[in-house]
C-alpha atoms as a PDB file:
ATOM      1  CA  UNK A   1       0.000   0.000   0.000  1.00  0.00           C
ATOM      2  CA  UNK A   2       1.134   3.561  -0.654  1.00  0.00           C
ATOM      3  CA  UNK A   3      -0.071   6.491   1.420  1.00  0.00           C
ATOM      4  CA  UNK A   4       0.416  10.038   0.116  1.00  0.00           C
ATOM      5  CA  UNK A   5       0.397  12.869   2.639  1.00  0.00           C
ATOM      6  CA  UNK A   6       0.029  16.446   1.416  1.00  0.00           C
ATOM      7  CA  UNK A   7       2.772  18.135   3.431  1.00  0.00           C
ATOM      8  CA  UNK A   8       4.390  21.458   4.213  1.00  0.00           C
ATOM      9  CA  UNK A   9       7.774  20.418   5.500  1.00  0.00           C
ATOM     10  CA  UNK A  10       7.122  17.444   7.769  1.00  0.00           C
ATOM     11  CA  UNK A  11       3.599  18.536   8.742  1.00  0.00           C
ATOM     12  CA  UNK A  12       0.271  17.703   7.137  1.00  0.00           C
ATOM     13  CA  UNK A  13      -0.738  20.590   4.871  1.00  0.00           C
ATOM     14  CA  UNK A  14      -3.984  22.448   5.460  1.00  0.00           C
ATOM     15  CA  UNK A  15      -4.919  21.970   1.804  1.00  0.00           C
ATOM     16  CA  UNK A  16      -3.636  19.210  -0.434  1.00  0.00           C
ATOM     17  CA  UNK A  17      -3.460  21.262  -3.645  1.00  0.00           C
ATOM     18  CA  UNK A  18      -1.224  23.961  -2.238  1.00  0.00           C
ATOM     19  CA  UNK A  19       1.194  21.745  -0.281  1.00  0.00           C
ATOM     20  CA  UNK A  20       4.950  21.938  -0.787  1.00  0.00           C
ATOM     21  CA  UNK A  21       5.437  18.197  -1.247  1.00  0.00           C
ATOM     22  CA  UNK A  22       3.677  14.881  -1.151  1.00  0.00           C
ATOM     23  CA  UNK A  23       5.288  12.432   1.232  1.00  0.00           C
ATOM     24  CA  UNK A  24       4.706   9.004  -0.262  1.00  0.00           C
ATOM     25  CA  UNK A  25       4.938   6.161   2.243  1.00  0.00           C
ATOM     26  CA  UNK A  26       5.320   2.583   1.043  1.00  0.00           C
ATOM     27  CA  UNK A  27       3.735   0.299   3.624  1.00  0.00           C
ATOM     28  CA  UNK A  28       3.984  -3.480   3.930  1.00  0.00           C
ATOM     29  CA  UNK A  29       2.203  -5.394   6.693  1.00  0.00           C
ATOM     30  CA  UNK A  30       1.407  -2.161   8.579  1.00  0.00           C
ATOM     31  CA  UNK A  31       5.079  -1.129   8.615  1.00  0.00           C
ATOM     32  CA  UNK A  32       6.564   1.861   6.784  1.00  0.00           C
ATOM     33  CA  UNK A  33       9.232   0.508   4.445  1.00  0.00           C
ATOM     34  CA  UNK A  34      10.059   3.676   2.497  1.00  0.00           C
ATOM     35  CA  UNK A  35       9.277   7.398   2.486  1.00  0.00           C
ATOM     36  CA  UNK A  36       9.729   9.442  -0.677  1.00  0.00           C
ATOM     37  CA  UNK A  37       9.478  13.224  -1.086  1.00  0.00           C
ATOM     38  CA  UNK A  38       7.644  14.204  -4.268  1.00  0.00           C
ATOM     39  CA  UNK A  39       7.488  17.954  -5.051  1.00  0.00           C
ATOM     40  CA  UNK A  40       3.989  19.219  -5.746  1.00  0.00           C
ATOM     41  CA  UNK A  41       3.884  19.541  -9.557  1.00  0.00           C
ATOM     42  CA  UNK A  42       1.364  22.372  -9.280  1.00  0.00           C
ATOM     43  CA  UNK A  43      -2.294  22.822  -8.504  1.00  0.00           C
ATOM     44  CA  UNK A  44      -4.363  22.422 -11.662  1.00  0.00           C
ATOM     45  CA  UNK A  45      -7.995  21.302 -11.650  1.00  0.00           C
ATOM     46  CA  UNK A  46      -8.244  17.519 -11.916  1.00  0.00           C
ATOM     47  CA  UNK A  47      -4.499  16.908 -12.257  1.00  0.00           C
ATOM     48  CA  UNK A  48      -3.310  15.870  -8.800  1.00  0.00           C
ATOM     49  CA  UNK A  49      -5.597  12.822  -8.400  1.00  0.00           C
ATOM     50  CA  UNK A  50      -4.264  11.437 -11.692  1.00  0.00           C
ATOM     51  CA  UNK A  51      -0.682  12.362 -10.759  1.00  0.00           C
ATOM     52  CA  UNK A  52      -0.913  10.573  -7.409  1.00  0.00           C
ATOM     53  CA  UNK A  53      -2.525   7.544  -9.045  1.00  0.00           C
ATOM     54  CA  UNK A  54       0.503   7.425 -11.360  1.00  0.00           C
ATOM     55  CA  UNK A  55       2.635   7.372  -8.190  1.00  0.00           C
ATOM     56  CA  UNK A  56       0.549   4.320  -7.152  1.00  0.00           C
ATOM     57  CA  UNK A  57      -1.036   6.048  -4.138  1.00  0.00           C
ATOM     58  CA  UNK A  58      -3.864   4.139  -2.478  1.00  0.00           C
ATOM     59  CA  UNK A  59      -4.643   6.786   0.176  1.00  0.00           C
ATOM     60  CA  UNK A  60      -4.333  10.589   0.309  1.00  0.00           C
ATOM     61  CA  UNK A  61      -4.119  12.324   3.683  1.00  0.00           C
ATOM     62  CA  UNK A  62      -4.602  16.097   3.964  1.00  0.00           C
ATOM     63  CA  UNK A  63      -5.873  18.764   6.275  1.00  0.00           C
ATOM     64  CA  UNK A  64      -8.488  19.913   3.799  1.00  0.00           C
ATOM     65  CA  UNK A  65      -9.742  19.291   0.292  1.00  0.00           C
ATOM     66  CA  UNK A  66     -12.590  20.476  -1.908  1.00  0.00           C
ATOM     67  CA  UNK A  67     -15.516  18.251  -2.785  1.00  0.00           C
ATOM     68  CA  UNK A  68     -14.661  17.985  -6.468  1.00  0.00           C
ATOM     69  CA  UNK A  69     -11.126  16.858  -5.661  1.00  0.00           C
ATOM     70  CA  UNK A  70     -12.468  14.269  -3.230  1.00  0.00           C
ATOM     71  CA  UNK A  71     -14.744  12.942  -5.977  1.00  0.00           C
ATOM     72  CA  UNK A  72     -11.844  12.812  -8.453  1.00  0.00           C
ATOM     73  CA  UNK A  73      -9.695  10.866  -5.994  1.00  0.00           C
ATOM     74  CA  UNK A  74     -12.571   8.419  -5.486  1.00  0.00           C
ATOM     75  CA  UNK A  75     -12.800   7.970  -9.271  1.00  0.00           C
ATOM     76  CA  UNK A  76      -9.096   7.035  -9.242  1.00  0.00           C
ATOM     77  CA  UNK A  77      -9.723   4.492  -6.476  1.00  0.00           C
ATOM     78  CA  UNK A  78      -7.781   6.536  -3.916  1.00  0.00           C
ATOM     79  CA  UNK A  79      -9.189   6.721  -0.375  1.00  0.00           C
ATOM     80  CA  UNK A  80      -9.418  10.292   0.968  1.00  0.00           C
ATOM     81  CA  UNK A  81      -8.700  11.188   4.586  1.00  0.00           C
ATOM     82  CA  UNK A  82      -9.197  14.869   5.444  1.00  0.00           C
ATOM     83  CA  UNK A  83      -9.015  16.715   8.720  1.00  0.00           C
ATOM     84  CA  UNK A  84      -5.538  15.419   9.590  1.00  0.00           C
ATOM     85  CA  UNK A  85      -3.153  17.682  11.478  1.00  0.00           C
ATOM     86  CA  UNK A  86       0.346  17.543  12.924  1.00  0.00           C
ATOM     87  CA  UNK A  87       3.339  15.524  11.804  1.00  0.00           C
ATOM     88  CA  UNK A  88       2.892  13.547   8.593  1.00  0.00           C
ATOM     89  CA  UNK A  89       4.680  10.515  10.050  1.00  0.00           C
ATOM     90  CA  UNK A  90       2.258  10.494  12.989  1.00  0.00           C
ATOM     91  CA  UNK A  91      -0.760  10.761  10.677  1.00  0.00           C
ATOM     92  CA  UNK A  92       0.418   7.694   8.747  1.00  0.00           C
ATOM     93  CA  UNK A  93       1.033   5.721  11.926  1.00  0.00           C
ATOM     94  CA  UNK A  94      -2.419   6.703  13.226  1.00  0.00           C
ATOM     95  CA  UNK A  95      -3.973   5.601   9.924  1.00  0.00           C
ATOM     96  CA  UNK A  96      -2.184   2.251  10.091  1.00  0.00           C
ATOM     97  CA  UNK A  97      -3.380   1.798  13.687  1.00  0.00           C
ATOM     98  CA  UNK A  98      -6.965   2.557  12.633  1.00  0.00           C
ATOM     99  CA  UNK A  99      -7.060   5.696  14.779  1.00  0.00           C
ATOM    100  CA  UNK A 100      -6.983   8.392  12.068  1.00  0.00           C
ATOM    101  CA  UNK A 101     -10.476   8.878  10.707  1.00  0.00           C
ATOM    102  CA  UNK A 102     -11.537  11.310   7.999  1.00  0.00           C
ATOM    103  CA  UNK A 103     -13.668  14.213   9.153  1.00  0.00           C
ATOM    104  CA  UNK A 104     -15.224  14.190   5.661  1.00  0.00           C
ATOM    105  CA  UNK A 105     -15.053  17.996   5.749  1.00  0.00           C
ATOM    106  CA  UNK A 106     -15.126  19.811   2.456  1.00  0.00           C
ATOM    107  CA  UNK A 107     -13.324  23.065   1.694  1.00  0.00           C
ATOM    108  CA  UNK A 108     -15.982  25.377   0.350  1.00  0.00           C
ATOM    109  CA  UNK A 109     -13.907  28.339  -0.771  1.00  0.00           C
ATOM    110  CA  UNK A 110     -11.057  28.157  -3.225  1.00  0.00           C
ATOM    111  CA  UNK A 111      -9.210  30.852  -1.272  1.00  0.00           C
ATOM    112  CA  UNK A 112      -9.161  28.427   1.702  1.00  0.00           C
ATOM    113  CA  UNK A 113      -9.499  31.249   4.202  1.00  0.00           C
ATOM    114  CA  UNK A 114     -10.162  29.258   7.346  1.00  0.00           C
ATOM    115  CA  UNK A 115     -12.366  26.711   5.598  1.00  0.00           C
ATOM    116  CA  UNK A 116      -9.886  23.835   5.303  1.00  0.00           C
ATOM    117  CA  UNK A 117      -9.004  21.240   7.854  1.00  0.00           C
ATOM    118  CA  UNK A 118     -11.672  22.254  10.319  1.00  0.00           C
END
């Protein structure tokens, strides 16, 4: 399994599309085997779900994400977890332990002024 975390530095980004990097974790038997830093190729409508599918991501973790993006990830077969905060490594470990649950929140404004990750 591969888990992508939208990140700013080592922390979960408030909005997946505007993150600095995607941390891509390769997981085998609930253990992190590899972590790769993938620079965000740029926020363009509909592009990032396809890009992360090409990276073989099975899960995307972010602080916030718009409804259309969530639908596009679902179309790619990628599970969406939003509402995550804190260190990316911790979010992955919480997901693997079954503790991290999506808030299912949807960013409603493209400017993301306080509407993401809440």
